Amino acid sequence: MRKAREDAVPAHTGLGLAARSSFCQSLGKQKTQATQQPSQPACLPTWQSQLPGLSAERPEAAQAMDTTTEAVLYHKLQLWEPGMESEEEEEEEIAEPLVLSLRRSQNTPRNKVSGLPGAWARLLASLLLLAVSSSLTLRQLHSRDSPKGNLGSAAPPASRHSHHPGVYHHGAIISPAATCSQLGQELLVAGGNVVDAGVGAALCLAVVHPHATGLGAMFWGLFYNSSSGNTTALTAGPAQALAPGLGLPTALPALHLLHTRFGRLPWSHLLAKATMLAQKGFEVDAPLASALAARGTKGLCPLFCHTNGTPLGLGAQATNPNLAAVLHREALASSPDLAGDALLSLLVRDLGLKEPPAQPMPSLEPALQLSIPQGVLFTTPGPSAGPELLELLESALHSRTPSPTSCLSLLQTAMTSVNSALATVDSSGSMLLLTSSINSTFGSGHLSPSTGVLLSDLVARSEPSAWACPLILRGSLDDTEADMLGLLASGTPRGAKAMACTLLNHLAAPQIQQQSQHQAQQRPTESPGGCGQGNLLQVVVHAEHAHVSSVPSGCCPFHGY
């Protein structure tokens, strides 16, 4: 009889009626005493109670039915919270017995709950349950969908725990300029990968650090792709002259080639911040102010001078409108083959050349590698200093010659900055090491009037690429989750010895302990007082976290999320 009554509910009554019917059926019935009059049911069939004019009294046939008292189990609703992801923290659902006793008053024709007619009370309870369920669903969807979007400088997602400065959950970048490190972080948060962040930061450095790099520089790079497991070298090739003593610029073709192959964000997006800095102005930081004070302003005015001819000091504002125009036109380049064409045409006109020389195209090649007991080493091929670095390491490891306890003396031999370096890394293991140079402070000192570009110096040094030797150590070729280490020297003309010394010390000590102790002293701000021209950038991927630091400590600003 009970099943027949429940089956009589029409199927088309909708979600609200179904929810109410479920609520009413779960209340049960109390068994009436033999001496008492039969009680009316606690709940009418939902479709009947919602039709106007129908009485709440049961039909006579239904009054003869016998009812039983039974305990109803109510399950507590478990609210999802971000901290409930771990299986160890999940709580089992708790079922508690709940017996409801609803009794009709002797002197009234209707059931009353809290003074309201029974049918209306049950309708109100059903609506309340529906409202609570909807509210919880909306709250859960809201928490799942934030933060919004993939583009823009959105705030990094909140972490469940914190780390020392220099250790990040997702990705990080370290470079000689705080403005450019900040830009790299913004590109990572905007959905870019380590190549987008590195190329964007390199273009930024070309504006704010003209003493060490620029569009007239040569670029070398080393990229490890955690998705494919491949390590690729960005090679600049032999230096070529645009004019006697002046190097042919290859920065734009090199960076565009790297981005076209591995980048994710639009090329124009990477140029936007650098263009804005050149047009609207940037603040002279400690490295640039120090280089201007040491060299003087000959050939650099009016861009980097006051009206009285004195060099701009720390905190002064500098602009380079012609460079901004070059970067703006470069954003329209559709392929690496066309990158730098507008710049080269303007340089040829400035120098009075009849026709532009054949522009060498940078290339992407497989990296050199050397297997060692601790893993596999990767670096750039010649004519960079990569082969020299591998020879030094192979010899030292074979002879087991102990390395110096400190490598700072090898970094501090440089009197002037000869190159600029940056590194980007993410927690999956992908990393990009980029280094560039104009071969001496402010390069040749020849400032192109129509482009605002300083050309590289081919007279000062017979080995223009001796500073280029980025290095990556992968713990294992077979283990995709193996630890990764990246090393890159900046500011020293012979970085191979300094990097070999640093790597040997790294292999001789527990690397993560060494890294943690070093990064505990890091801060994402510059410390110009304790920093010389030579620095060593270090990036590590361990336990799905990205670590960045520098030697000496705190000399290169870093940012991450």
Protein backbone atom coordinates (compact mmCIF):
# COMPACT_ATOMS: atom_id res chain seq x y z
CA MET A 1 0.00 0.00 0.00
CA ARG A 2 2.78 2.46 0.92
CA LYS A 3 4.68 1.83 -2.31
CA ALA A 4 1.52 2.26 -4.32
CA ARG A 5 0.88 5.67 -2.75
CA GLU A 6 4.44 6.84 -3.48
CA ASP A 7 4.32 5.68 -7.07
CA ALA A 8 1.19 7.70 -7.57
CA VAL A 9 3.16 10.97 -7.58
CA PRO A 10 3.27 12.35 -11.14
CA ALA A 11 6.77 12.45 -12.67
CA HIS A 12 6.26 15.89 -14.23
CA THR A 13 5.86 17.79 -10.96
CA GLY A 14 9.43 19.27 -11.35
CA LEU A 15 12.51 19.70 -9.17
CA GLY A 16 10.72 21.64 -6.39
CA LEU A 17 8.00 19.02 -5.98
CA ALA A 18 10.51 16.17 -6.10
CA ALA A 19 12.61 17.79 -3.38
CA ARG A 20 9.49 18.31 -1.26
CA SER A 21 8.29 14.77 -1.80
CA SER A 22 11.68 13.39 -0.73
CA PHE A 23 11.60 15.56 2.39
CA CYS A 24 8.09 14.47 3.30
CA GLN A 25 8.70 10.79 2.70
CA SER A 26 11.77 10.88 4.95
CA LEU A 27 9.73 12.04 7.94
CA GLY A 28 7.97 8.64 8.36
CA LYS A 29 4.83 7.94 10.25
CA GLN A 30 4.18 7.21 13.87
CA LYS A 31 2.34 4.10 14.80
CA THR A 32 -1.01 5.05 16.31
CA GLN A 33 -2.22 3.58 19.57
CA ALA A 34 -5.24 1.28 19.42
CA THR A 35 -7.20 3.46 21.84
CA GLN A 36 -6.65 6.68 19.91
CA GLN A 37 -8.25 7.97 16.77
CA PRO A 38 -6.21 7.39 13.57
CA SER A 39 -3.88 10.28 12.92
CA GLN A 40 -3.57 12.03 9.58
CA PRO A 41 -0.36 11.55 7.61
CA ALA A 42 2.55 13.83 8.36
CA CYS A 43 2.80 14.77 4.72
CA LEU A 44 0.43 14.73 1.75
CA PRO A 45 1.60 13.64 -1.68
CA THR A 46 3.37 16.67 -3.09
CA TRP A 47 1.28 16.98 -6.24
CA GLN A 48 -1.98 16.82 -4.23
CA SER A 49 -0.97 19.40 -1.62
CA GLN A 50 -0.08 21.96 -4.26
CA LEU A 51 -3.43 21.84 -6.04
CA PRO A 52 -5.78 24.58 -4.79
CA GLY A 53 -8.97 23.58 -3.06
CA LEU A 54 -7.80 20.18 -1.92
CA SER A 55 -8.22 19.43 1.78
CA ALA A 56 -5.36 18.34 3.95
CA GLU A 57 -7.56 15.57 5.33
CA ARG A 58 -6.67 12.11 4.07
CA PRO A 59 -9.09 10.07 2.01
CA GLU A 60 -11.03 7.53 4.01
CA ALA A 61 -9.27 4.62 2.38
CA ALA A 62 -5.93 6.04 3.39
CA GLN A 63 -7.07 6.56 6.99
CA ALA A 64 -7.33 2.83 7.40
CA MET A 65 -3.69 2.28 6.63
CA ASP A 66 -1.41 1.18 9.44
CA THR A 67 1.76 3.23 9.92
CA THR A 68 5.02 2.43 11.63
CA THR A 69 7.53 4.50 13.50
CA GLU A 70 11.05 4.36 12.07
CA ALA A 71 14.33 6.23 12.61
CA VAL A 72 15.43 8.40 9.70
CA LEU A 73 19.15 8.82 9.01
CA TYR A 74 20.20 12.35 8.06
CA HIS A 75 23.65 12.80 6.46
CA LYS A 76 25.59 15.89 7.41
CA LEU A 77 26.55 18.02 4.41
CA GLN A 78 30.33 18.16 3.92
CA LEU A 79 31.45 21.57 2.66
CA TRP A 80 34.41 21.56 0.33
CA GLU A 81 37.33 23.74 1.44
CA PRO A 82 40.78 24.15 -0.21
CA GLY A 83 42.48 22.42 2.71
CA MET A 84 40.46 19.19 2.26
CA GLU A 85 42.38 17.89 -0.77
CA SER A 86 44.47 15.34 1.09
CA GLU A 87 42.95 11.92 1.59
CA GLU A 88 44.27 11.79 5.14
CA GLU A 89 42.22 14.84 6.06
CA GLU A 90 38.92 13.64 4.59
CA GLU A 91 36.25 12.95 7.17
CA GLU A 92 33.76 10.19 6.73
CA GLU A 93 30.12 11.20 6.50
CA ILE A 94 28.38 11.02 9.86
CA ALA A 95 24.88 9.63 10.03
CA GLU A 96 22.83 10.51 13.06
CA PRO A 97 19.45 9.04 13.92
CA LEU A 98 16.70 11.60 14.14
CA VAL A 99 13.12 10.77 15.06
CA LEU A 100 10.51 13.38 14.41
CA SER A 101 7.21 13.12 16.28
CA LEU A 102 4.43 15.01 14.61
CA ARG A 103 1.03 14.79 16.33
CA ARG A 104 -2.20 16.38 15.21
CA SER A 105 -4.00 18.47 17.80
CA GLN A 106 -7.34 17.05 18.91
CA ASN A 107 -9.21 20.31 18.52
CA THR A 108 -7.90 21.41 15.08
CA PRO A 109 -8.47 19.89 11.65
CA ARG A 110 -4.90 20.48 10.48
CA ASN A 111 -1.41 19.50 11.62
CA LYS A 112 0.55 22.42 13.07
CA VAL A 113 4.33 22.81 13.31
CA SER A 114 5.47 25.86 15.25
CA GLY A 115 2.03 27.29 14.95
CA LEU A 116 1.83 27.12 11.12
CA PRO A 117 -0.47 24.86 9.12
CA GLY A 118 1.32 21.58 8.33
CA ALA A 119 1.27 21.90 4.55
CA TRP A 120 2.68 25.44 4.60
CA ALA A 121 5.31 24.48 7.19
CA ARG A 122 6.53 21.64 5.01
CA LEU A 123 6.56 23.88 1.94
CA LEU A 124 8.60 26.48 3.83
CA ALA A 125 11.08 23.83 4.98
CA SER A 126 11.50 22.54 1.41
CA LEU A 127 12.14 26.04 0.07
CA LEU A 128 14.67 26.66 2.85
CA LEU A 129 16.59 23.50 1.99
CA LEU A 130 16.59 24.45 -1.69
CA ALA A 131 17.90 27.95 -0.90
CA VAL A 132 20.72 26.57 1.29
CA SER A 133 21.73 24.06 -1.39
CA SER A 134 21.81 26.78 -4.08
CA SER A 135 23.89 29.07 -1.87
CA LEU A 136 26.46 26.35 -1.18
CA THR A 137 26.68 25.46 -4.87
CA LEU A 138 27.27 29.08 -5.90
CA ARG A 139 29.93 29.49 -3.21
CA GLN A 140 31.78 26.40 -4.37
CA LEU A 141 31.68 27.46 -8.02
CA HIS A 142 32.92 30.94 -7.10
CA SER A 143 35.95 29.58 -5.22
CA ARG A 144 36.75 27.16 -8.02
CA ASP A 145 36.68 29.77 -10.78
CA SER A 146 38.96 32.37 -9.17
CA PRO A 147 41.38 33.91 -10.00
CA LYS A 148 39.77 35.04 -13.25
CA GLY A 149 41.30 34.71 -16.67
CA ASN A 150 44.73 33.79 -17.97
CA LEU A 151 46.00 37.14 -19.18
CA GLY A 152 47.05 40.32 -17.45
CA SER A 153 48.97 40.96 -14.26
CA ALA A 154 46.66 38.89 -12.12
CA ALA A 155 47.62 38.28 -8.51
CA PRO A 156 49.46 34.97 -8.02
CA PRO A 157 47.36 32.20 -6.49
CA ALA A 158 47.58 31.96 -2.74
CA SER A 159 50.01 29.36 -1.42
CA ARG A 160 49.23 27.07 1.45
CA HIS A 161 52.65 27.60 2.96
CA SER A 162 55.51 30.05 2.65
CA HIS A 163 59.20 29.70 1.90
CA HIS A 164 62.42 31.63 2.22
CA PRO A 165 62.89 34.41 -0.36
CA GLY A 166 64.01 32.91 -3.65
CA VAL A 167 61.86 29.75 -3.40
CA TYR A 168 58.60 29.69 -5.35
CA HIS A 169 55.78 27.26 -6.10
CA HIS A 170 55.36 27.99 -9.81
CA GLY A 171 58.11 30.00 -11.50
CA ALA A 172 60.77 32.66 -11.00
CA ILE A 173 63.22 34.93 -12.79
CA ILE A 174 66.49 36.56 -11.75
CA SER A 175 68.23 39.37 -13.64
CA PRO A 176 70.51 42.37 -12.98
CA ALA A 177 67.58 44.86 -12.95
CA ALA A 178 64.60 44.83 -10.59
CA THR A 179 62.32 46.35 -13.25
CA CYS A 180 63.09 43.54 -15.69
CA SER A 181 62.75 40.78 -13.10
CA GLN A 182 59.34 42.20 -12.22
CA LEU A 183 58.37 42.19 -15.90
CA GLY A 184 59.43 38.55 -16.21
CA GLN A 185 57.21 37.62 -13.28
CA GLU A 186 54.26 39.48 -14.84
CA LEU A 187 54.70 37.54 -18.07
CA LEU A 188 54.76 34.24 -16.18
CA VAL A 189 51.58 35.13 -14.29
CA ALA A 190 49.96 36.25 -17.56
CA GLY A 191 50.21 32.69 -18.88
CA GLY A 192 53.65 32.89 -20.50
CA ASN A 193 56.36 30.27 -20.15
CA VAL A 194 60.02 30.66 -19.21
CA VAL A 195 60.92 31.66 -22.80
CA ASP A 196 58.34 34.46 -22.82
CA ALA A 197 59.59 35.71 -19.44
CA GLY A 198 63.25 35.52 -20.46
CA VAL A 199 62.84 37.21 -23.84
CA GLY A 200 60.66 39.97 -22.35
CA ALA A 201 63.21 40.59 -19.60
CA ALA A 202 66.07 40.63 -22.13
CA LEU A 203 64.31 43.32 -24.19
CA CYS A 204 63.76 45.26 -20.96
CA LEU A 205 67.49 45.04 -20.10
CA ALA A 206 68.29 46.34 -23.59
CA VAL A 207 66.58 49.58 -22.51
CA VAL A 208 67.54 50.01 -18.84
CA HIS A 209 71.10 48.56 -18.92
CA PRO A 210 72.72 50.02 -22.07
CA HIS A 211 76.15 49.73 -20.46
CA ALA A 212 76.08 45.91 -20.62
CA THR A 213 73.58 44.84 -23.31
CA GLY A 214 71.18 46.20 -25.91
CA LEU A 215 69.85 45.68 -29.40
CA GLY A 216 73.44 45.91 -30.63
CA ALA A 217 74.48 42.92 -28.51
CA MET A 218 75.14 39.26 -29.30
CA PHE A 219 72.99 36.67 -27.52
CA TRP A 220 73.71 33.12 -26.43
CA GLY A 221 71.21 30.94 -24.61
CA LEU A 222 70.45 27.49 -23.22
CA PHE A 223 66.89 26.19 -22.93
CA TYR A 224 65.75 22.98 -21.26
CA ASN A 225 62.22 21.92 -22.17
CA SER A 226 60.73 19.73 -19.44
CA SER A 227 57.90 18.64 -21.76
CA SER A 228 60.19 17.08 -24.36
CA GLY A 229 63.30 16.52 -22.24
CA ASN A 230 65.43 18.29 -24.87
CA THR A 231 68.10 20.93 -24.27
CA THR A 232 68.57 23.49 -27.05
CA ALA A 233 71.32 26.06 -27.52
CA LEU A 234 70.73 29.51 -28.99
CA THR A 235 73.90 30.31 -30.92
CA ALA A 236 74.95 33.70 -32.23
CA GLY A 237 77.74 32.42 -34.45
CA PRO A 238 80.98 34.30 -35.09
CA ALA A 239 80.88 38.04 -34.56
CA GLN A 240 80.67 40.06 -37.78
CA ALA A 241 81.41 43.70 -38.40
CA LEU A 242 78.86 46.25 -39.55
CA ALA A 243 81.65 48.80 -39.96
CA PRO A 244 85.30 48.81 -38.84
CA GLY A 245 85.32 48.10 -35.09
CA LEU A 246 81.52 48.01 -34.88
CA GLY A 247 79.66 44.74 -34.45
CA LEU A 248 76.68 43.72 -36.53
CA PRO A 249 73.63 43.59 -34.23
CA THR A 250 71.90 40.20 -33.98
CA ALA A 251 69.85 40.61 -30.79
CA LEU A 252 66.42 40.98 -32.40
CA PRO A 253 66.73 38.04 -34.82
CA ALA A 254 68.05 35.82 -32.01
CA LEU A 255 65.31 36.66 -29.52
CA HIS A 256 62.57 36.46 -32.14
CA LEU A 257 63.84 33.05 -33.30
CA LEU A 258 63.84 31.71 -29.74
CA HIS A 259 60.34 33.05 -29.10
CA THR A 260 58.92 31.77 -32.39
CA ARG A 261 60.11 28.25 -31.62
CA PHE A 262 59.27 27.99 -27.94
CA GLY A 263 57.28 31.05 -26.78
CA ARG A 264 53.58 31.18 -25.99
CA LEU A 265 52.52 34.85 -25.73
CA PRO A 266 52.35 37.15 -28.79
CA TRP A 267 55.67 38.67 -29.87
CA SER A 268 54.23 42.18 -29.64
CA HIS A 269 53.21 41.51 -26.03
CA LEU A 270 56.85 40.94 -25.07
CA LEU A 271 57.93 44.23 -26.64
CA ALA A 272 55.23 46.38 -25.02
CA LYS A 273 56.88 47.01 -21.63
CA ALA A 274 60.33 47.68 -23.10
CA THR A 275 58.80 50.15 -25.56
CA MET A 276 56.96 51.95 -22.77
CA LEU A 277 60.11 52.22 -20.63
CA ALA A 278 62.09 53.71 -23.51
CA GLN A 279 59.32 56.16 -24.39
CA LYS A 280 58.07 57.28 -20.96
CA GLY A 281 61.28 56.89 -19.03
CA PHE A 282 63.00 54.56 -16.57
CA GLU A 283 64.88 55.06 -13.35
CA VAL A 284 68.68 54.85 -13.42
CA ASP A 285 69.60 51.99 -11.08
CA ALA A 286 72.85 51.33 -9.24
CA PRO A 287 74.67 49.32 -11.97
CA LEU A 288 73.94 51.92 -14.67
CA ALA A 289 74.78 54.86 -12.41
CA SER A 290 78.06 53.21 -11.42
CA ALA A 291 78.99 52.55 -15.06
CA LEU A 292 78.20 56.15 -16.07
CA ALA A 293 80.26 57.54 -13.22
CA ALA A 294 83.25 55.32 -14.10
CA ARG A 295 83.24 55.88 -17.86
CA GLY A 296 82.01 59.43 -18.27
CA THR A 297 79.50 60.69 -20.77
CA LYS A 298 81.57 61.06 -23.95
CA GLY A 299 79.35 60.06 -26.86
CA LEU A 300 76.40 59.31 -24.57
CA CYS A 301 74.78 62.74 -24.34
CA PRO A 302 72.04 63.79 -24.30
CA LEU A 303 70.46 60.42 -23.45
CA PHE A 304 72.42 59.74 -20.27
CA CYS A 305 73.51 63.25 -19.28
CA HIS A 306 72.11 66.24 -17.47
CA THR A 307 71.89 69.49 -19.39
CA ASN A 308 75.26 70.51 -17.95
CA GLY A 309 76.92 67.37 -19.34
CA THR A 310 77.27 65.48 -16.06
CA PRO A 311 76.17 61.82 -16.04
CA LEU A 312 72.80 60.85 -14.70
CA GLY A 313 72.96 59.60 -11.14
CA LEU A 314 71.12 56.98 -9.14
CA GLY A 315 67.36 57.52 -9.26
CA ALA A 316 67.40 59.96 -12.21
CA GLN A 317 64.92 59.49 -15.05
CA ALA A 318 66.20 58.56 -18.52
CA THR A 319 64.36 58.20 -21.82
CA ASN A 320 65.27 56.88 -25.28
CA PRO A 321 62.47 57.86 -27.72
CA ASN A 322 64.29 56.68 -30.85
CA LEU A 323 64.83 53.26 -29.33
CA ALA A 324 61.12 53.17 -28.45
CA ALA A 325 60.28 53.81 -32.10
CA VAL A 326 62.55 50.94 -33.21
CA LEU A 327 60.90 48.56 -30.72
CA HIS A 328 57.45 49.68 -31.84
CA ARG A 329 58.26 48.89 -35.48
CA GLU A 330 59.84 45.60 -34.44
CA ALA A 331 56.52 44.47 -32.95
CA LEU A 332 55.19 44.31 -36.53
CA ALA A 333 57.83 41.80 -37.67
CA SER A 334 56.03 38.63 -38.70
CA SER A 335 59.01 36.26 -38.66
CA PRO A 336 62.58 36.02 -37.36
CA ASP A 337 63.85 36.58 -40.94
CA LEU A 338 62.37 40.08 -40.88
CA ALA A 339 63.37 40.84 -37.29
CA GLY A 340 65.92 43.63 -37.08
CA ASP A 341 65.52 44.74 -40.72
CA ALA A 342 64.19 48.17 -39.77
CA LEU A 343 67.01 48.66 -37.26
CA LEU A 344 69.67 47.60 -39.76
CA SER A 345 68.37 50.00 -42.41
CA LEU A 346 68.56 52.92 -40.00
CA LEU A 347 72.09 51.97 -38.87
CA VAL A 348 73.29 51.78 -42.47
CA ARG A 349 71.93 55.27 -43.08
CA ASP A 350 73.55 56.65 -39.91
CA LEU A 351 76.94 55.19 -40.84
CA GLY A 352 76.74 56.28 -44.47
CA LEU A 353 77.12 52.74 -45.81
CA LYS A 354 76.11 51.99 -49.38
CA GLU A 355 74.26 48.78 -48.61
CA PRO A 356 73.69 46.62 -45.55
CA PRO A 357 75.98 43.64 -45.14
CA ALA A 358 74.56 40.13 -45.17
CA GLN A 359 73.00 39.64 -41.78
CA PRO A 360 73.99 36.34 -40.13
CA MET A 361 71.06 34.42 -38.73
CA PRO A 362 71.32 33.02 -35.22
CA SER A 363 70.45 29.35 -34.96
CA LEU A 364 69.00 26.79 -32.55
CA GLU A 365 71.19 23.71 -32.17
CA PRO A 366 71.39 20.68 -29.87
CA ALA A 367 73.38 21.54 -26.77
CA LEU A 368 76.77 20.04 -26.03
CA GLN A 369 76.61 17.44 -23.27
CA LEU A 370 78.93 15.61 -20.89
CA SER A 371 77.92 12.65 -18.73
CA ILE A 372 79.21 12.66 -15.16
CA PRO A 373 78.39 10.40 -12.19
CA GLN A 374 75.93 12.99 -10.83
CA GLY A 375 74.00 13.37 -14.09
CA VAL A 376 74.41 15.07 -17.47
CA LEU A 377 75.87 18.52 -18.17
CA PHE A 378 74.66 20.73 -21.03
CA THR A 379 76.17 23.93 -22.47
CA THR A 380 76.46 25.96 -25.66
CA PRO A 381 78.72 24.97 -28.58
CA GLY A 382 81.60 27.04 -29.95
CA PRO A 383 82.56 29.76 -30.57
CA SER A 384 81.15 30.31 -27.07
CA ALA A 385 83.15 29.30 -23.97
CA GLY A 386 80.97 26.20 -23.50
CA PRO A 387 83.54 23.70 -24.82
CA GLU A 388 86.20 25.25 -22.57
CA LEU A 389 83.93 24.87 -19.55
CA LEU A 390 83.30 21.17 -20.22
CA GLU A 391 87.05 20.54 -20.62
CA LEU A 392 87.75 22.19 -17.26
CA LEU A 393 85.08 20.13 -15.52
CA GLU A 394 86.08 16.84 -17.14
CA SER A 395 89.71 17.37 -16.19
CA ALA A 396 88.89 18.31 -12.60
CA LEU A 397 86.52 15.37 -12.12
CA HIS A 398 88.99 12.92 -13.65
CA SER A 399 91.93 14.09 -11.53
CA ARG A 400 89.74 14.59 -8.46
CA THR A 401 91.49 17.88 -7.82
CA PRO A 402 89.78 19.70 -4.93
CA SER A 403 88.28 23.02 -5.93
CA PRO A 404 88.74 26.24 -3.95
CA THR A 405 86.34 26.64 -1.05
CA SER A 406 85.36 30.07 -2.37
CA CYS A 407 84.86 31.13 -5.99
CA LEU A 408 84.25 34.82 -5.30
CA SER A 409 87.80 35.83 -6.22
CA LEU A 410 87.27 34.45 -9.74
CA LEU A 411 84.14 36.56 -10.13
CA GLN A 412 85.59 39.79 -8.80
CA THR A 413 88.52 40.02 -11.21
CA ALA A 414 86.45 41.97 -13.74
CA MET A 415 86.97 45.72 -13.56
CA THR A 416 84.18 46.50 -16.01
CA SER A 417 81.01 44.72 -16.98
CA VAL A 418 81.32 42.76 -20.21
CA ASN A 419 78.00 40.95 -20.37
CA SER A 420 74.51 40.72 -18.94
CA ALA A 421 72.77 37.52 -17.84
CA LEU A 422 69.34 36.39 -16.72
CA ALA A 423 67.68 33.08 -15.87
CA THR A 424 64.07 31.92 -15.72
CA VAL A 425 62.77 28.66 -14.29
CA ASP A 426 59.48 26.96 -13.48
CA SER A 427 58.61 24.22 -11.01
CA SER A 428 58.22 21.60 -13.78
CA GLY A 429 61.94 21.85 -14.56
CA SER A 430 61.95 24.04 -17.67
CA MET A 431 64.62 26.73 -17.56
CA LEU A 432 66.13 29.36 -19.85
CA LEU A 433 69.59 30.87 -19.39
CA LEU A 434 70.32 33.95 -21.53
CA THR A 435 73.55 35.93 -21.75
CA SER A 436 74.45 38.86 -24.01
CA SER A 437 77.24 41.35 -24.46
CA ILE A 438 78.42 44.43 -26.32
CA ASN A 439 81.99 43.40 -25.32
CA SER A 440 82.83 46.34 -23.08
CA THR A 441 81.09 48.97 -20.97
CA PHE A 442 78.73 50.86 -23.32
CA GLY A 443 80.18 48.80 -26.17
CA SER A 444 81.93 50.79 -28.85
CA GLY A 445 80.59 54.04 -27.41
CA HIS A 446 79.02 54.74 -30.79
CA LEU A 447 75.42 55.81 -30.16
CA SER A 448 73.31 55.68 -33.31
CA PRO A 449 71.44 59.01 -33.47
CA SER A 450 68.36 57.68 -35.28
CA THR A 451 67.94 54.46 -33.26
CA GLY A 452 69.35 55.15 -29.79
CA VAL A 453 71.30 51.87 -30.06
CA LEU A 454 74.89 51.37 -28.87
CA LEU A 455 76.83 49.05 -31.18
CA SER A 456 79.14 46.36 -29.82
CA ASP A 457 82.90 46.77 -29.69
CA LEU A 458 84.93 44.46 -31.91
CA VAL A 459 88.28 46.12 -31.15
CA ALA A 460 88.57 45.75 -27.38
CA ARG A 461 88.50 41.93 -27.26
CA SER A 462 89.81 39.29 -29.64
CA GLU A 463 87.36 36.66 -28.29
CA PRO A 464 83.94 38.32 -28.26
CA SER A 465 82.12 35.20 -26.98
CA ALA A 466 84.51 34.09 -24.23
CA TRP A 467 81.97 35.23 -21.62
CA ALA A 468 79.22 32.92 -22.92
CA CYS A 469 79.06 29.55 -21.16
CA PRO A 470 75.60 28.84 -19.66
CA LEU A 471 75.45 25.47 -17.94
CA ILE A 472 72.61 23.09 -17.00
CA LEU A 473 73.00 19.96 -14.86
CA ARG A 474 70.21 17.40 -15.08
CA GLY A 475 70.22 14.74 -12.40
CA SER A 476 69.13 11.94 -14.77
CA LEU A 477 68.10 11.60 -18.40
CA ASP A 478 65.60 8.86 -17.56
CA ASP A 479 63.95 10.48 -14.53
CA THR A 480 61.60 13.27 -15.60
CA GLU A 481 61.38 14.50 -11.98
CA ALA A 482 65.13 14.66 -11.41
CA ASP A 483 66.58 17.81 -9.85
CA MET A 484 67.80 20.51 -12.24
CA LEU A 485 70.56 23.09 -11.76
CA GLY A 486 71.35 26.09 -13.97
CA LEU A 487 74.46 28.28 -13.66
CA LEU A 488 75.28 31.48 -15.54
CA ALA A 489 78.11 33.97 -15.06
CA SER A 490 77.57 37.70 -15.51
CA GLY A 491 80.01 40.57 -15.70
CA THR A 492 83.22 38.57 -15.91
CA PRO A 493 85.28 38.13 -19.11
CA ARG A 494 86.30 34.56 -18.26
CA GLY A 495 83.28 32.99 -16.64
CA ALA A 496 84.27 29.37 -17.40
CA LYS A 497 86.69 29.09 -14.46
CA ALA A 498 84.26 30.70 -12.01
CA MET A 499 81.46 28.40 -13.12
CA ALA A 500 83.63 25.28 -12.99
CA CYS A 501 84.66 26.18 -9.43
CA THR A 502 81.04 26.75 -8.40
CA LEU A 503 79.78 23.50 -9.92
CA LEU A 504 82.53 21.42 -8.31
CA ASN A 505 81.67 22.89 -4.90
CA HIS A 506 78.02 22.19 -5.60
CA LEU A 507 78.72 18.53 -6.37
CA ALA A 508 80.90 18.12 -3.29
CA ALA A 509 78.20 19.22 -0.81
CA PRO A 510 74.53 18.37 -0.29
CA GLN A 511 73.09 20.67 -2.90
CA ILE A 512 69.68 21.35 -1.40
CA GLN A 513 71.13 22.16 2.01
CA GLN A 514 73.63 24.46 0.34
CA GLN A 515 70.87 26.08 -1.68
CA SER A 516 68.57 26.58 1.32
CA GLN A 517 71.28 28.16 3.46
CA HIS A 518 72.22 30.49 0.66
CA GLN A 519 68.68 31.54 -0.17
CA ALA A 520 67.80 32.25 3.44
CA GLN A 521 69.90 35.38 3.06
CA GLN A 522 68.35 36.49 -0.23
CA ARG A 523 66.03 39.44 -0.64
CA PRO A 524 64.23 40.49 -3.86
CA THR A 525 65.95 43.87 -3.85
CA GLU A 526 69.33 45.12 -4.92
CA SER A 527 72.29 45.35 -2.58
CA PRO A 528 74.71 47.49 -4.59
CA GLY A 529 77.07 48.07 -1.71
CA GLY A 530 78.31 44.47 -1.58
CA CYS A 531 78.18 43.68 -5.30
CA GLY A 532 80.96 44.01 -7.83
CA GLN A 533 80.89 43.61 -11.59
CA GLY A 534 81.03 39.80 -11.50
CA ASN A 535 78.02 37.74 -10.43
CA LEU A 536 76.89 34.16 -10.75
CA LEU A 537 73.21 33.32 -11.20
CA GLN A 538 71.89 30.02 -9.86
CA VAL A 539 68.51 28.39 -10.54
CA VAL A 540 67.43 25.04 -9.10
CA VAL A 541 64.32 22.89 -9.49
CA HIS A 542 63.77 20.58 -6.52
CA ALA A 543 60.61 18.92 -5.19
CA GLU A 544 58.42 20.84 -7.66
CA HIS A 545 59.69 24.21 -6.43
CA ALA A 546 61.76 26.82 -8.25
CA HIS A 547 64.83 28.25 -6.46
CA VAL A 548 66.77 31.34 -7.61
CA SER A 549 69.82 33.03 -6.07
CA SER A 550 73.05 34.81 -6.91
CA VAL A 551 76.69 34.83 -5.83
CA PRO A 552 77.49 37.16 -4.11
CA SER A 553 74.21 36.91 -2.26
CA GLY A 554 71.51 39.46 -3.06
CA CYS A 555 73.27 41.16 -5.96
CA CYS A 556 70.65 40.33 -8.60
CA PRO A 557 66.95 41.03 -8.00
CA PHE A 558 64.55 38.15 -8.45
CA HIS A 559 60.80 37.72 -8.55
CA GLY A 560 58.49 34.71 -8.68
CA TYR A 561 55.14 33.35 -7.68
